[in-house]
Amino acid sequence: MSKRKLNRRQQWRIQKIQDERLARAEKKQKNVINETKSLDDTLHYGIVVSHFGATLDIEDNSSHLLIRCALRQNIQSLVCGDKIVWQKLSNIPEGEQVQGVVTAFEQRSSVLARPDFSGQMKAVAANIDQLFIITSPIPELNEGLIDRYIVAAELSHIKPILILNKIDTLSPKQREILEQRIKIYHDIHYPIIYTSAKNQYGMDELLQQLAGKTSVFVGQSGVGKSSLINSLLPDAHIKEGEVSVATHKGTHTTSVSRLYHLHQAIKGFSKHNTSLIDSPGVREFGLWDISKEDVIHGFIELQQATQNCYFRDCKHLNEPKCGLLKAIEEGDISTQRLSSYHRIIDSIDQ
């Protein structure tokens, strides 16, 4: 059954409720700051590990303690991974959980965003080094979705890495077929890790790839993101979803973004240097706020071949002296990737 769409009035009512909740949270936050009257002059530095409405949980860089902070009103909404400056509150009312105020934040090196229910872009994680694209045999491997994730990562200057999870469910012949399908990404130098959260296969290789970086896992619901994270972070107790027998799609299990540190011993790295952001899962990953001209930069091998196109405005369909079509004829580029590029172009309404 397809998901029921909300009409305009229903969307307006939902937005009104959300706005009222936000206004109440902001009023409470303002009251906390006003009641304390003053801030400690000492500046502290930290990172956002989670957020709850108008308040944030900050990990202090020096003590590594978690501090509940309010957000100064002239600062934009912050997300997991944001690097911030905070100050302690003085004269904190008894029983008040908020201990400080975020007074500034550093410029983001990268940001992962997705649309909210009204279609507006909303950041979900910041300062990410790596985007792990989780796939699995069930739900069915979807190269088109993988390509959309890769384009989003490349355009955001985030390194994409592919994980084929649940390989314990495959026979040797089935694994051979899937490895052949995913080989096109290996051929263009994207790392591929084969894993099984169930029997811990590939987890050491995954840990080494995570070491010293801030990473985020993305993929269709049901591919095993939560299972992998629970294997890496057994104390996190992240709820795992199941794949529907009827739809072969997964159920969403993550509702709040959170930044975790990996506590396993990774040679040469402090546990505080290796972080994983668990963000809400999405069944489809769209590309918003980009032009058709931008898409080619997300297909690194196609973009390189376009340098040989005779016409500057070549559409790479049937134009003469097209560098892409020539590369296809010579076997240097996958026909599948070119088809995926055109599908994404056609889906952009600009």
C-alpha atoms as a PDB file:
ATOM      1  CA  MET A   1       0.000   0.000   0.000  1.00  0.00           C
ATOM      2  CA  SER A   2       1.396   3.404  -0.951  1.00  0.00           C
ATOM      3  CA  LYS A   3       1.980   5.978   1.729  1.00  0.00           C
ATOM      4  CA  ARG A   4      -0.956   8.361   2.152  1.00  0.00           C
ATOM      5  CA  LYS A   5      -0.114  11.936   1.192  1.00  0.00           C
ATOM      6  CA  LEU A   6      -1.188  14.814   3.403  1.00  0.00           C
ATOM      7  CA  ASN A   7      -3.295  17.577   1.929  1.00  0.00           C
ATOM      8  CA  ARG A   8      -2.317  21.214   2.303  1.00  0.00           C
ATOM      9  CA  ARG A   9      -4.511  21.838   5.346  1.00  0.00           C
ATOM     10  CA  GLN A  10      -3.188  18.767   7.144  1.00  0.00           C
ATOM     11  CA  GLN A  11       0.374  19.887   6.436  1.00  0.00           C
ATOM     12  CA  TRP A  12      -0.482  23.364   7.754  1.00  0.00           C
ATOM     13  CA  ARG A  13      -1.920  21.931  10.991  1.00  0.00           C
ATOM     14  CA  ILE A  14       1.137  19.739  11.539  1.00  0.00           C
ATOM     15  CA  GLN A  15       3.440  22.691  10.901  1.00  0.00           C
ATOM     16  CA  LYS A  16       1.381  24.834  13.313  1.00  0.00           C
ATOM     17  CA  ILE A  17       1.730  22.224  16.065  1.00  0.00           C
ATOM     18  CA  GLN A  18       5.471  21.941  15.450  1.00  0.00           C
ATOM     19  CA  ASP A  19       5.859  25.742  15.524  1.00  0.00           C
ATOM     20  CA  GLU A  20       3.944  25.963  18.806  1.00  0.00           C
ATOM     21  CA  ARG A  21       6.119  23.261  20.372  1.00  0.00           C
ATOM     22  CA  LEU A  22       9.259  25.017  19.194  1.00  0.00           C
ATOM     23  CA  ALA A  23       8.006  28.358  20.531  1.00  0.00           C
ATOM     24  CA  ARG A  24       7.362  26.815  23.957  1.00  0.00           C
ATOM     25  CA  ALA A  25      10.819  25.231  23.980  1.00  0.00           C
ATOM     26  CA  GLU A  26      12.476  28.489  22.967  1.00  0.00           C
ATOM     27  CA  LYS A  27      10.539  30.394  25.654  1.00  0.00           C
ATOM     28  CA  LYS A  28      11.714  27.915  28.285  1.00  0.00           C
ATOM     29  CA  GLN A  29      15.277  28.236  27.006  1.00  0.00           C
ATOM     30  CA  LYS A  30      15.062  32.051  27.143  1.00  0.00           C
ATOM     31  CA  ASN A  31      13.716  31.912  30.697  1.00  0.00           C
ATOM     32  CA  VAL A  32      16.619  29.698  31.777  1.00  0.00           C
ATOM     33  CA  ILE A  33      19.139  32.159  30.363  1.00  0.00           C
ATOM     34  CA  ASN A  34      17.334  35.204  31.799  1.00  0.00           C
ATOM     35  CA  GLU A  35      17.007  33.683  35.269  1.00  0.00           C
ATOM     36  CA  THR A  36      20.720  32.985  35.502  1.00  0.00           C
ATOM     37  CA  LYS A  37      21.529  36.562  34.411  1.00  0.00           C
ATOM     38  CA  SER A  38      25.182  35.855  33.661  1.00  0.00           C
ATOM     39  CA  LEU A  39      27.642  33.547  31.996  1.00  0.00           C
ATOM     40  CA  ASP A  40      31.059  32.483  33.158  1.00  0.00           C
ATOM     41  CA  ASP A  41      33.699  34.400  31.173  1.00  0.00           C
ATOM     42  CA  THR A  42      35.683  31.255  30.371  1.00  0.00           C
ATOM     43  CA  LEU A  43      35.150  29.901  26.863  1.00  0.00           C
ATOM     44  CA  HIS A  44      34.843  26.146  26.480  1.00  0.00           C
ATOM     45  CA  TYR A  45      34.954  24.133  23.276  1.00  0.00           C
ATOM     46  CA  GLY A  46      32.973  21.062  22.421  1.00  0.00           C
ATOM     47  CA  ILE A  47      30.967  19.069  19.926  1.00  0.00           C
ATOM     48  CA  VAL A  48      27.219  18.460  19.650  1.00  0.00           C
ATOM     49  CA  VAL A  49      26.447  14.809  20.375  1.00  0.00           C
ATOM     50  CA  SER A  50      22.646  15.046  20.474  1.00  0.00           C
ATOM     51  CA  HIS A  51      19.816  17.564  20.592  1.00  0.00           C
ATOM     52  CA  PHE A  52      16.401  17.705  22.233  1.00  0.00           C
ATOM     53  CA  GLY A  53      14.266  20.527  20.877  1.00  0.00           C
ATOM     54  CA  ALA A  54      15.899  23.766  21.968  1.00  0.00           C
ATOM     55  CA  THR A  55      18.582  22.120  24.116  1.00  0.00           C
ATOM     56  CA  LEU A  56      21.741  20.259  23.142  1.00  0.00           C
ATOM     57  CA  ASP A  57      24.015  17.702  24.703  1.00  0.00           C
ATOM     58  CA  ILE A  58      27.607  18.904  24.298  1.00  0.00           C
ATOM     59  CA  GLU A  59      30.743  16.884  24.829  1.00  0.00           C
ATOM     60  CA  ASP A  60      33.408  19.164  26.265  1.00  0.00           C
ATOM     61  CA  ASN A  61      36.739  18.826  24.443  1.00  0.00           C
ATOM     62  CA  SER A  62      38.835  18.949  27.621  1.00  0.00           C
ATOM     63  CA  SER A  63      36.887  16.891  30.150  1.00  0.00           C
ATOM     64  CA  HIS A  64      34.888  14.775  27.639  1.00  0.00           C
ATOM     65  CA  LEU A  65      31.915  15.222  29.975  1.00  0.00           C
ATOM     66  CA  LEU A  66      28.403  15.659  28.560  1.00  0.00           C
ATOM     67  CA  ILE A  67      26.894  19.094  29.283  1.00  0.00           C
ATOM     68  CA  ARG A  68      23.257  20.024  28.639  1.00  0.00           C
ATOM     69  CA  CYS A  69      23.239  23.446  26.963  1.00  0.00           C
ATOM     70  CA  ALA A  70      20.712  25.959  25.735  1.00  0.00           C
ATOM     71  CA  LEU A  71      21.251  27.631  22.371  1.00  0.00           C
ATOM     72  CA  ARG A  72      21.680  31.395  22.095  1.00  0.00           C
ATOM     73  CA  GLN A  73      18.802  32.710  19.994  1.00  0.00           C
ATOM     74  CA  ASN A  74      20.912  34.361  17.310  1.00  0.00           C
ATOM     75  CA  ILE A  75      22.575  31.035  16.436  1.00  0.00           C
ATOM     76  CA  GLN A  76      21.162  28.780  13.741  1.00  0.00           C
ATOM     77  CA  SER A  77      19.938  25.277  14.517  1.00  0.00           C
ATOM     78  CA  LEU A  78      22.832  22.939  15.284  1.00  0.00           C
ATOM     79  CA  VAL A  79      23.173  19.213  14.597  1.00  0.00           C
ATOM     80  CA  CYS A  80      25.331  16.278  15.650  1.00  0.00           C
ATOM     81  CA  GLY A  81      28.945  16.868  14.749  1.00  0.00           C
ATOM     82  CA  ASP A  82      28.819  20.660  14.980  1.00  0.00           C
ATOM     83  CA  LYS A  83      31.875  22.118  16.731  1.00  0.00           C
ATOM     84  CA  ILE A  84      30.831  24.808  19.176  1.00  0.00           C
ATOM     85  CA  VAL A  85      31.903  27.306  21.823  1.00  0.00           C
ATOM     86  CA  TRP A  86      29.964  27.213  25.087  1.00  0.00           C
ATOM     87  CA  GLN A  87      29.969  29.035  28.416  1.00  0.00           C
ATOM     88  CA  LYS A  88      28.850  27.886  31.853  1.00  0.00           C
ATOM     89  CA  LEU A  89      25.762  29.426  33.412  1.00  0.00           C
ATOM     90  CA  SER A  90      26.048  31.145  36.781  1.00  0.00           C
ATOM     91  CA  ASN A  91      23.392  30.872  39.518  1.00  0.00           C
ATOM     92  CA  ILE A  92      21.705  27.836  38.012  1.00  0.00           C
ATOM     93  CA  PRO A  93      18.210  27.306  39.483  1.00  0.00           C
ATOM     94  CA  GLU A  94      17.848  24.162  41.593  1.00  0.00           C
ATOM     95  CA  GLY A  95      16.787  21.166  39.534  1.00  0.00           C
ATOM     96  CA  GLU A  96      17.619  22.825  36.222  1.00  0.00           C
ATOM     97  CA  GLN A  97      19.344  20.443  33.814  1.00  0.00           C
ATOM     98  CA  VAL A  98      20.736  23.137  31.528  1.00  0.00           C
ATOM     99  CA  GLN A  99      24.279  23.913  32.662  1.00  0.00           C
ATOM    100  CA  GLY A 100      25.549  26.143  29.860  1.00  0.00           C
ATOM    101  CA  VAL A 101      24.815  28.143  26.723  1.00  0.00           C
ATOM    102  CA  VAL A 102      26.201  27.627  23.236  1.00  0.00           C
ATOM    103  CA  THR A 103      27.471  31.055  22.241  1.00  0.00           C
ATOM    104  CA  ALA A 104      29.203  30.355  18.910  1.00  0.00           C
ATOM    105  CA  PHE A 105      29.941  27.580  16.428  1.00  0.00           C
ATOM    106  CA  GLU A 106      32.701  26.839  13.952  1.00  0.00           C
ATOM    107  CA  GLN A 107      32.210  26.786  10.195  1.00  0.00           C
ATOM    108  CA  ARG A 108      31.187  23.348   8.961  1.00  0.00           C
ATOM    109  CA  SER A 109      33.543  21.405   6.704  1.00  0.00           C
ATOM    110  CA  SER A 110      30.632  19.317   5.418  1.00  0.00           C
ATOM    111  CA  VAL A 111      26.953  18.801   6.108  1.00  0.00           C
ATOM    112  CA  LEU A 112      24.424  16.052   5.398  1.00  0.00           C
ATOM    113  CA  ALA A 113      20.871  17.313   4.871  1.00  0.00           C
ATOM    114  CA  ARG A 114      17.471  15.900   3.981  1.00  0.00           C
ATOM    115  CA  PRO A 115      14.034  17.454   3.506  1.00  0.00           C
ATOM    116  CA  ASP A 116      11.520  17.664   6.326  1.00  0.00           C
ATOM    117  CA  PHE A 117       7.839  16.825   5.840  1.00  0.00           C
ATOM    118  CA  SER A 118       7.230  20.231   4.242  1.00  0.00           C
ATOM    119  CA  GLY A 119      10.049  19.809   1.741  1.00  0.00           C
ATOM    120  CA  GLN A 120      12.451  22.249   3.402  1.00  0.00           C
ATOM    121  CA  MET A 121      16.085  21.162   3.610  1.00  0.00           C
ATOM    122  CA  LYS A 122      17.177  20.298   7.150  1.00  0.00           C
ATOM    123  CA  ALA A 123      20.721  19.474   8.258  1.00  0.00           C
ATOM    124  CA  VAL A 124      21.022  16.170  10.148  1.00  0.00           C
ATOM    125  CA  ALA A 125      24.795  15.885  10.677  1.00  0.00           C
ATOM    126  CA  ALA A 126      27.858  18.086  10.237  1.00  0.00           C
ATOM    127  CA  ASN A 127      31.640  17.839   9.843  1.00  0.00           C
ATOM    128  CA  ILE A 128      31.452  14.333   8.403  1.00  0.00           C
ATOM    129  CA  ASP A 129      34.538  12.715   6.882  1.00  0.00           C
ATOM    130  CA  GLN A 130      33.009   9.515   5.516  1.00  0.00           C
ATOM    131  CA  LEU A 131      29.608   8.363   4.290  1.00  0.00           C
ATOM    132  CA  PHE A 132      29.160   4.602   4.611  1.00  0.00           C
ATOM    133  CA  ILE A 133      26.534   3.443   2.123  1.00  0.00           C
ATOM    134  CA  ILE A 134      25.037   0.256   3.547  1.00  0.00           C
ATOM    135  CA  THR A 135      23.523  -2.236   1.096  1.00  0.00           C
ATOM    136  CA  SER A 136      22.404  -5.827   1.467  1.00  0.00           C
ATOM    137  CA  PRO A 137      20.823  -8.670  -0.540  1.00  0.00           C
ATOM    138  CA  ILE A 138      17.512  -8.002   1.230  1.00  0.00           C
ATOM    139  CA  PRO A 139      16.103  -5.449   0.442  1.00  0.00           C
ATOM    140  CA  GLU A 140      17.268  -6.001  -3.143  1.00  0.00           C
ATOM    141  CA  LEU A 141      20.544  -4.311  -4.060  1.00  0.00           C
ATOM    142  CA  ASN A 142      19.667  -0.962  -5.646  1.00  0.00           C
ATOM    143  CA  GLU A 143      22.493   0.537  -7.714  1.00  0.00           C
ATOM    144  CA  GLY A 144      20.404   3.596  -8.586  1.00  0.00           C
ATOM    145  CA  LEU A 145      20.051   4.456  -4.890  1.00  0.00           C
ATOM    146  CA  ILE A 146      23.755   3.819  -4.332  1.00  0.00           C
ATOM    147  CA  ASP A 147      24.554   6.282  -7.126  1.00  0.00           C
ATOM    148  CA  ARG A 148      22.351   8.949  -5.549  1.00  0.00           C
ATOM    149  CA  TYR A 149      24.143   8.534  -2.224  1.00  0.00           C
ATOM    150  CA  ILE A 150      27.507   8.760  -3.977  1.00  0.00           C
ATOM    151  CA  VAL A 151      26.507  11.937  -5.833  1.00  0.00           C
ATOM    152  CA  ALA A 152      25.342  13.510  -2.554  1.00  0.00           C
ATOM    153  CA  ALA A 153      28.613  12.548  -0.866  1.00  0.00           C
ATOM    154  CA  GLU A 154      30.827  13.804  -3.696  1.00  0.00           C
ATOM    155  CA  LEU A 155      28.994  17.130  -3.906  1.00  0.00           C
ATOM    156  CA  SER A 156      29.288  17.501  -0.117  1.00  0.00           C
ATOM    157  CA  HIS A 157      33.028  16.677  -0.159  1.00  0.00           C
ATOM    158  CA  ILE A 158      32.451  13.540   1.928  1.00  0.00           C
ATOM    159  CA  LYS A 159      34.249  10.291   1.112  1.00  0.00           C
ATOM    160  CA  PRO A 160      31.768   7.540   0.101  1.00  0.00           C
ATOM    161  CA  ILE A 161      32.452   3.939   1.157  1.00  0.00           C
ATOM    162  CA  LEU A 162      30.248   0.966   0.254  1.00  0.00           C
ATOM    163  CA  ILE A 163      29.312  -1.843   2.622  1.00  0.00           C
ATOM    164  CA  LEU A 164      27.603  -5.015   1.412  1.00  0.00           C
ATOM    165  CA  ASN A 165      26.049  -6.338   4.614  1.00  0.00           C
ATOM    166  CA  LYS A 166      24.279  -9.630   5.457  1.00  0.00           C
ATOM    167  CA  ILE A 167      26.619 -11.670   3.293  1.00  0.00           C
ATOM    168  CA  ASP A 168      25.985 -14.603   5.649  1.00  0.00           C
ATOM    169  CA  THR A 169      22.590 -14.965   3.924  1.00  0.00           C
ATOM    170  CA  LEU A 170      24.209 -15.669   0.534  1.00  0.00           C
ATOM    171  CA  SER A 171      25.269 -18.894  -1.091  1.00  0.00           C
ATOM    172  CA  PRO A 172      28.703 -18.824  -2.789  1.00  0.00           C
ATOM    173  CA  LYS A 173      26.998 -18.422  -6.175  1.00  0.00           C
ATOM    174  CA  GLN A 174      24.737 -15.588  -4.961  1.00  0.00           C
ATOM    175  CA  ARG A 175      27.701 -13.779  -3.453  1.00  0.00           C
ATOM    176  CA  GLU A 176      29.622 -14.107  -6.712  1.00  0.00           C
ATOM    177  CA  ILE A 177      26.711 -12.520  -8.613  1.00  0.00           C
ATOM    178  CA  LEU A 178      26.409  -9.611  -6.174  1.00  0.00           C
ATOM    179  CA  GLU A 179      30.157  -9.027  -6.128  1.00  0.00           C
ATOM    180  CA  GLN A 180      30.082  -8.800  -9.906  1.00  0.00           C
ATOM    181  CA  ARG A 181      27.224  -6.293  -9.776  1.00  0.00           C
ATOM    182  CA  ILE A 182      29.003  -4.066  -7.261  1.00  0.00           C
ATOM    183  CA  LYS A 183      32.383  -4.376  -9.007  1.00  0.00           C
ATOM    184  CA  ILE A 184      31.674  -1.248 -11.061  1.00  0.00           C
ATOM    185  CA  TYR A 185      32.266   0.800  -7.880  1.00  0.00           C
ATOM    186  CA  HIS A 186      35.517  -0.991  -7.128  1.00  0.00           C
ATOM    187  CA  ASP A 187      36.643  -0.189 -10.679  1.00  0.00           C
ATOM    188  CA  ILE A 188      36.259   3.544 -10.003  1.00  0.00           C
ATOM    189  CA  HIS A 189      38.189   3.194  -6.732  1.00  0.00           C
ATOM    190  CA  TYR A 190      35.419   3.336  -4.134  1.00  0.00           C
ATOM    191  CA  PRO A 191      36.244   1.109  -1.129  1.00  0.00           C
ATOM    192  CA  ILE A 192      33.889  -1.864  -0.651  1.00  0.00           C
ATOM    193  CA  ILE A 193      33.648  -3.775   2.622  1.00  0.00           C
ATOM    194  CA  TYR A 194      31.776  -7.080   2.947  1.00  0.00           C
ATOM    195  CA  THR A 195      30.224  -7.570   6.374  1.00  0.00           C
ATOM    196  CA  SER A 196      27.895  -9.665   8.481  1.00  0.00           C
ATOM    197  CA  ALA A 197      26.815  -8.190  11.803  1.00  0.00           C
ATOM    198  CA  LYS A 198      25.419 -11.607  12.720  1.00  0.00           C
ATOM    199  CA  ASN A 199      28.745 -13.461  12.620  1.00  0.00           C
ATOM    200  CA  GLN A 200      31.088 -10.429  12.888  1.00  0.00           C
ATOM    201  CA  TYR A 201      32.556 -11.008   9.449  1.00  0.00           C
ATOM    202  CA  GLY A 202      34.448  -7.968   8.130  1.00  0.00           C
ATOM    203  CA  MET A 203      34.158  -5.973  11.360  1.00  0.00           C
ATOM    204  CA  ASP A 204      37.926  -5.598  11.819  1.00  0.00           C
ATOM    205  CA  GLU A 205      38.238  -4.132   8.323  1.00  0.00           C
ATOM    206  CA  LEU A 206      35.313  -1.819   9.031  1.00  0.00           C
ATOM    207  CA  LEU A 207      36.917  -0.633  12.278  1.00  0.00           C
ATOM    208  CA  GLN A 208      40.147   0.250  10.505  1.00  0.00           C
ATOM    209  CA  GLN A 209      38.226   2.257   7.916  1.00  0.00           C
ATOM    210  CA  LEU A 210      36.413   4.131  10.704  1.00  0.00           C
ATOM    211  CA  ALA A 211      39.591   4.930  12.657  1.00  0.00           C
ATOM    212  CA  GLY A 212      40.306   8.592  13.251  1.00  0.00           C
ATOM    213  CA  LYS A 213      37.283   9.827  11.292  1.00  0.00           C
ATOM    214  CA  THR A 214      33.737  11.064  11.860  1.00  0.00           C
ATOM    215  CA  SER A 215      31.428   8.835   9.858  1.00  0.00           C
ATOM    216  CA  VAL A 216      27.734   8.331   9.190  1.00  0.00           C
ATOM    217  CA  PHE A 217      25.847   5.240   8.001  1.00  0.00           C
ATOM    218  CA  VAL A 218      23.125   5.642   5.377  1.00  0.00           C
ATOM    219  CA  GLY A 219      21.018   3.225   3.361  1.00  0.00           C
ATOM    220  CA  GLN A 220      17.573   1.783   2.878  1.00  0.00           C
ATOM    221  CA  SER A 221      15.692   0.644   5.963  1.00  0.00           C
ATOM    222  CA  GLY A 222      16.296  -3.041   6.576  1.00  0.00           C
ATOM    223  CA  VAL A 223      19.858  -3.259   5.250  1.00  0.00           C
ATOM    224  CA  GLY A 224      21.261  -3.667   8.757  1.00  0.00           C
ATOM    225  CA  LYS A 225      22.529  -0.208   9.734  1.00  0.00           C
ATOM    226  CA  SER A 226      21.411  -0.595  13.353  1.00  0.00           C
ATOM    227  CA  SER A 227      22.781  -4.154  13.551  1.00  0.00           C
ATOM    228  CA  LEU A 228      26.200  -2.968  12.399  1.00  0.00           C
ATOM    229  CA  ILE A 229      26.179  -0.041  14.810  1.00  0.00           C
ATOM    230  CA  ASN A 230      25.194  -2.340  17.687  1.00  0.00           C
ATOM    231  CA  SER A 231      28.141  -4.572  16.797  1.00  0.00           C
ATOM    232  CA  LEU A 232      30.448  -1.555  16.938  1.00  0.00           C
ATOM    233  CA  LEU A 233      28.710   0.010  19.950  1.00  0.00           C
ATOM    234  CA  PRO A 234      27.241  -2.803  22.063  1.00  0.00           C
ATOM    235  CA  ASP A 235      26.367  -0.391  24.894  1.00  0.00           C
ATOM    236  CA  ALA A 236      24.280   1.872  22.624  1.00  0.00           C
ATOM    237  CA  HIS A 237      21.331  -0.572  22.520  1.00  0.00           C
ATOM    238  CA  ILE A 238      20.025   0.813  19.220  1.00  0.00           C
ATOM    239  CA  LYS A 239      16.719  -0.710  18.211  1.00  0.00           C
ATOM    240  CA  GLU A 240      16.920  -2.982  15.172  1.00  0.00           C
ATOM    241  CA  GLY A 241      14.181  -3.243  12.573  1.00  0.00           C
ATOM    242  CA  GLU A 242      13.032  -6.156  10.468  1.00  0.00           C
ATOM    243  CA  VAL A 243      12.358  -6.442   6.747  1.00  0.00           C
ATOM    244  CA  SER A 244       8.676  -6.778   5.877  1.00  0.00           C
ATOM    245  CA  VAL A 245       7.860 -10.085   4.216  1.00  0.00           C
ATOM    246  CA  ALA A 246       5.138  -8.383   2.153  1.00  0.00           C
ATOM    247  CA  THR A 247       7.054  -5.333   0.893  1.00  0.00           C
ATOM    248  CA  HIS A 248      10.680  -6.472   1.323  1.00  0.00           C
ATOM    249  CA  LYS A 249      11.317  -3.045   2.849  1.00  0.00           C
ATOM    250  CA  GLY A 250      12.702  -2.305   6.278  1.00  0.00           C
ATOM    251  CA  THR A 251      11.098  -0.551   9.204  1.00  0.00           C
ATOM    252  CA  HIS A 252      12.573   2.696  10.504  1.00  0.00           C
ATOM    253  CA  THR A 253      14.322   2.304  13.869  1.00  0.00           C
ATOM    254  CA  THR A 254      16.187   5.580  14.488  1.00  0.00           C
ATOM    255  CA  SER A 255      14.315   8.743  15.459  1.00  0.00           C
ATOM    256  CA  VAL A 256      16.984  10.985  16.997  1.00  0.00           C
ATOM    257  CA  SER A 257      20.472  11.675  15.670  1.00  0.00           C
ATOM    258  CA  ARG A 258      23.322  10.973  18.052  1.00  0.00           C
ATOM    259  CA  LEU A 259      27.124  11.009  17.900  1.00  0.00           C
ATOM    260  CA  TYR A 260      28.935   8.043  19.450  1.00  0.00           C
ATOM    261  CA  HIS A 261      32.618   7.349  20.063  1.00  0.00           C
ATOM    262  CA  LEU A 262      33.925   3.896  19.253  1.00  0.00           C
ATOM    263  CA  HIS A 263      35.443   2.422  22.404  1.00  0.00           C
ATOM    264  CA  GLN A 264      37.145  -0.533  20.732  1.00  0.00           C
ATOM    265  CA  ALA A 265      40.914  -0.371  20.691  1.00  0.00           C
ATOM    266  CA  ILE A 266      41.991   0.942  17.305  1.00  0.00           C
ATOM    267  CA  LYS A 267      45.755   1.037  17.108  1.00  0.00           C
ATOM    268  CA  GLY A 268      47.118   4.576  16.975  1.00  0.00           C
ATOM    269  CA  PHE A 269      43.818   6.327  17.708  1.00  0.00           C
ATOM    270  CA  SER A 270      42.159   7.625  20.850  1.00  0.00           C
ATOM    271  CA  LYS A 271      38.520   6.600  21.222  1.00  0.00           C
ATOM    272  CA  HIS A 272      37.590  10.288  21.070  1.00  0.00           C
ATOM    273  CA  ASN A 273      39.104  10.558  17.577  1.00  0.00           C
ATOM    274  CA  THR A 274      36.772   7.968  16.047  1.00  0.00           C
ATOM    275  CA  SER A 275      33.108   8.957  15.940  1.00  0.00           C
ATOM    276  CA  LEU A 276      29.959   7.583  14.376  1.00  0.00           C
ATOM    277  CA  ILE A 277      26.785   9.612  13.880  1.00  0.00           C
ATOM    278  CA  ASP A 278      23.601   7.558  13.860  1.00  0.00           C
ATOM    279  CA  SER A 279      21.032   9.578  11.905  1.00  0.00           C
ATOM    280  CA  PRO A 280      17.383   8.869  11.079  1.00  0.00           C
ATOM    281  CA  GLY A 281      17.027   6.343   8.264  1.00  0.00           C
ATOM    282  CA  VAL A 282      15.347   7.168   4.987  1.00  0.00           C
ATOM    283  CA  ARG A 283      13.907   4.786   2.405  1.00  0.00           C
ATOM    284  CA  GLU A 284      14.796   7.017  -0.509  1.00  0.00           C
ATOM    285  CA  PHE A 285      17.550   9.525  -0.813  1.00  0.00           C
ATOM    286  CA  GLY A 286      16.726  12.463  -3.044  1.00  0.00           C
ATOM    287  CA  LEU A 287      18.997  15.119  -4.425  1.00  0.00           C
ATOM    288  CA  TRP A 288      17.633  18.562  -3.663  1.00  0.00           C
ATOM    289  CA  ASP A 289      18.899  22.060  -4.266  1.00  0.00           C
ATOM    290  CA  ILE A 290      21.285  21.007  -7.020  1.00  0.00           C
ATOM    291  CA  SER A 291      21.260  21.839 -10.693  1.00  0.00           C
ATOM    292  CA  LYS A 292      21.441  19.362 -13.548  1.00  0.00           C
ATOM    293  CA  GLU A 293      24.907  20.710 -14.272  1.00  0.00           C
ATOM    294  CA  ASP A 294      26.053  19.720 -10.765  1.00  0.00           C
ATOM    295  CA  VAL A 295      25.177  16.043 -11.133  1.00  0.00           C
ATOM    296  CA  ILE A 296      28.113  15.191 -13.407  1.00  0.00           C
ATOM    297  CA  HIS A 297      30.518  16.166 -10.593  1.00  0.00           C
ATOM    298  CA  GLY A 298      29.061  13.323  -8.520  1.00  0.00           C
ATOM    299  CA  PHE A 299      30.033  10.791 -11.200  1.00  0.00           C
ATOM    300  CA  ILE A 300      33.800  11.116 -11.032  1.00  0.00           C
ATOM    301  CA  GLU A 301      34.633   8.887 -13.996  1.00  0.00           C
ATOM    302  CA  LEU A 302      31.960  10.481 -16.196  1.00  0.00           C
ATOM    303  CA  GLN A 303      33.089  13.981 -15.290  1.00  0.00           C
ATOM    304  CA  GLN A 304      36.628  13.149 -16.370  1.00  0.00           C
ATOM    305  CA  ALA A 305      35.430  11.811 -19.741  1.00  0.00           C
ATOM    306  CA  THR A 306      33.396  14.970 -20.449  1.00  0.00           C
ATOM    307  CA  GLN A 307      36.675  16.851 -20.827  1.00  0.00           C
ATOM    308  CA  ASN A 308      36.898  15.201 -24.246  1.00  0.00           C
ATOM    309  CA  CYS A 309      33.443  16.304 -25.433  1.00  0.00           C
ATOM    310  CA  TYR A 310      33.606  18.482 -28.560  1.00  0.00           C
ATOM    311  CA  PHE A 311      30.519  20.528 -27.657  1.00  0.00           C
ATOM    312  CA  ARG A 312      30.565  22.466 -24.400  1.00  0.00           C
ATOM    313  CA  ASP A 313      26.818  21.917 -23.846  1.00  0.00           C
ATOM    314  CA  CYS A 314      26.936  18.219 -24.763  1.00  0.00           C
ATOM    315  CA  LYS A 315      24.041  16.243 -23.247  1.00  0.00           C
ATOM    316  CA  HIS A 316      25.862  12.913 -23.684  1.00  0.00           C
ATOM    317  CA  LEU A 317      22.962  11.315 -25.544  1.00  0.00           C
ATOM    318  CA  ASN A 318      23.723  11.104 -29.257  1.00  0.00           C
ATOM    319  CA  GLU A 319      25.867  14.175 -29.965  1.00  0.00           C
ATOM    320  CA  PRO A 320      28.853  13.731 -32.279  1.00  0.00           C
ATOM    321  CA  LYS A 321      32.315  13.661 -30.714  1.00  0.00           C
ATOM    322  CA  CYS A 322      30.903  13.032 -27.210  1.00  0.00           C
ATOM    323  CA  GLY A 323      33.700  12.081 -24.855  1.00  0.00           C
ATOM    324  CA  LEU A 324      31.373  10.004 -22.689  1.00  0.00           C
ATOM    325  CA  LEU A 325      29.942   7.971 -25.563  1.00  0.00           C
ATOM    326  CA  LYS A 326      33.443   7.352 -26.882  1.00  0.00           C
ATOM    327  CA  ALA A 327      34.537   6.122 -23.450  1.00  0.00           C
ATOM    328  CA  ILE A 328      31.515   3.781 -23.408  1.00  0.00           C
ATOM    329  CA  GLU A 329      32.503   2.363 -26.823  1.00  0.00           C
ATOM    330  CA  GLU A 330      36.049   1.787 -25.621  1.00  0.00           C
ATOM    331  CA  GLY A 331      34.840   0.055 -22.455  1.00  0.00           C
ATOM    332  CA  ASP A 332      36.307   2.648 -20.095  1.00  0.00           C
ATOM    333  CA  ILE A 333      32.943   3.587 -18.543  1.00  0.00           C
ATOM    334  CA  SER A 334      30.022   1.466 -17.382  1.00  0.00           C
ATOM    335  CA  THR A 335      26.849   1.815 -19.446  1.00  0.00           C
ATOM    336  CA  GLN A 336      24.929   1.303 -16.203  1.00  0.00           C
ATOM    337  CA  ARG A 337      26.531   4.345 -14.599  1.00  0.00           C
ATOM    338  CA  LEU A 338      25.778   6.530 -17.623  1.00  0.00           C
ATOM    339  CA  SER A 339      22.140   5.362 -17.554  1.00  0.00           C
ATOM    340  CA  SER A 340      21.980   6.142 -13.845  1.00  0.00           C
ATOM    341  CA  TYR A 341      23.360   9.618 -14.521  1.00  0.00           C
ATOM    342  CA  HIS A 342      20.622  10.292 -17.098  1.00  0.00           C
ATOM    343  CA  ARG A 343      17.898   9.005 -14.720  1.00  0.00           C
ATOM    344  CA  ILE A 344      19.052  11.427 -12.036  1.00  0.00           C
ATOM    345  CA  ILE A 345      19.184  14.285 -14.556  1.00  0.00           C
ATOM    346  CA  ASP A 346      15.640  13.483 -15.689  1.00  0.00           C
ATOM    347  CA  SER A 347      14.422  13.460 -12.076  1.00  0.00           C
ATOM    348  CA  ILE A 348      15.611  16.993 -11.401  1.00  0.00           C
ATOM    349  CA  ASP A 349      12.877  19.522 -12.073  1.00  0.00           C
ATOM    350  CA  GLN A 350      14.930  22.535 -13.153  1.00  0.00           C
END
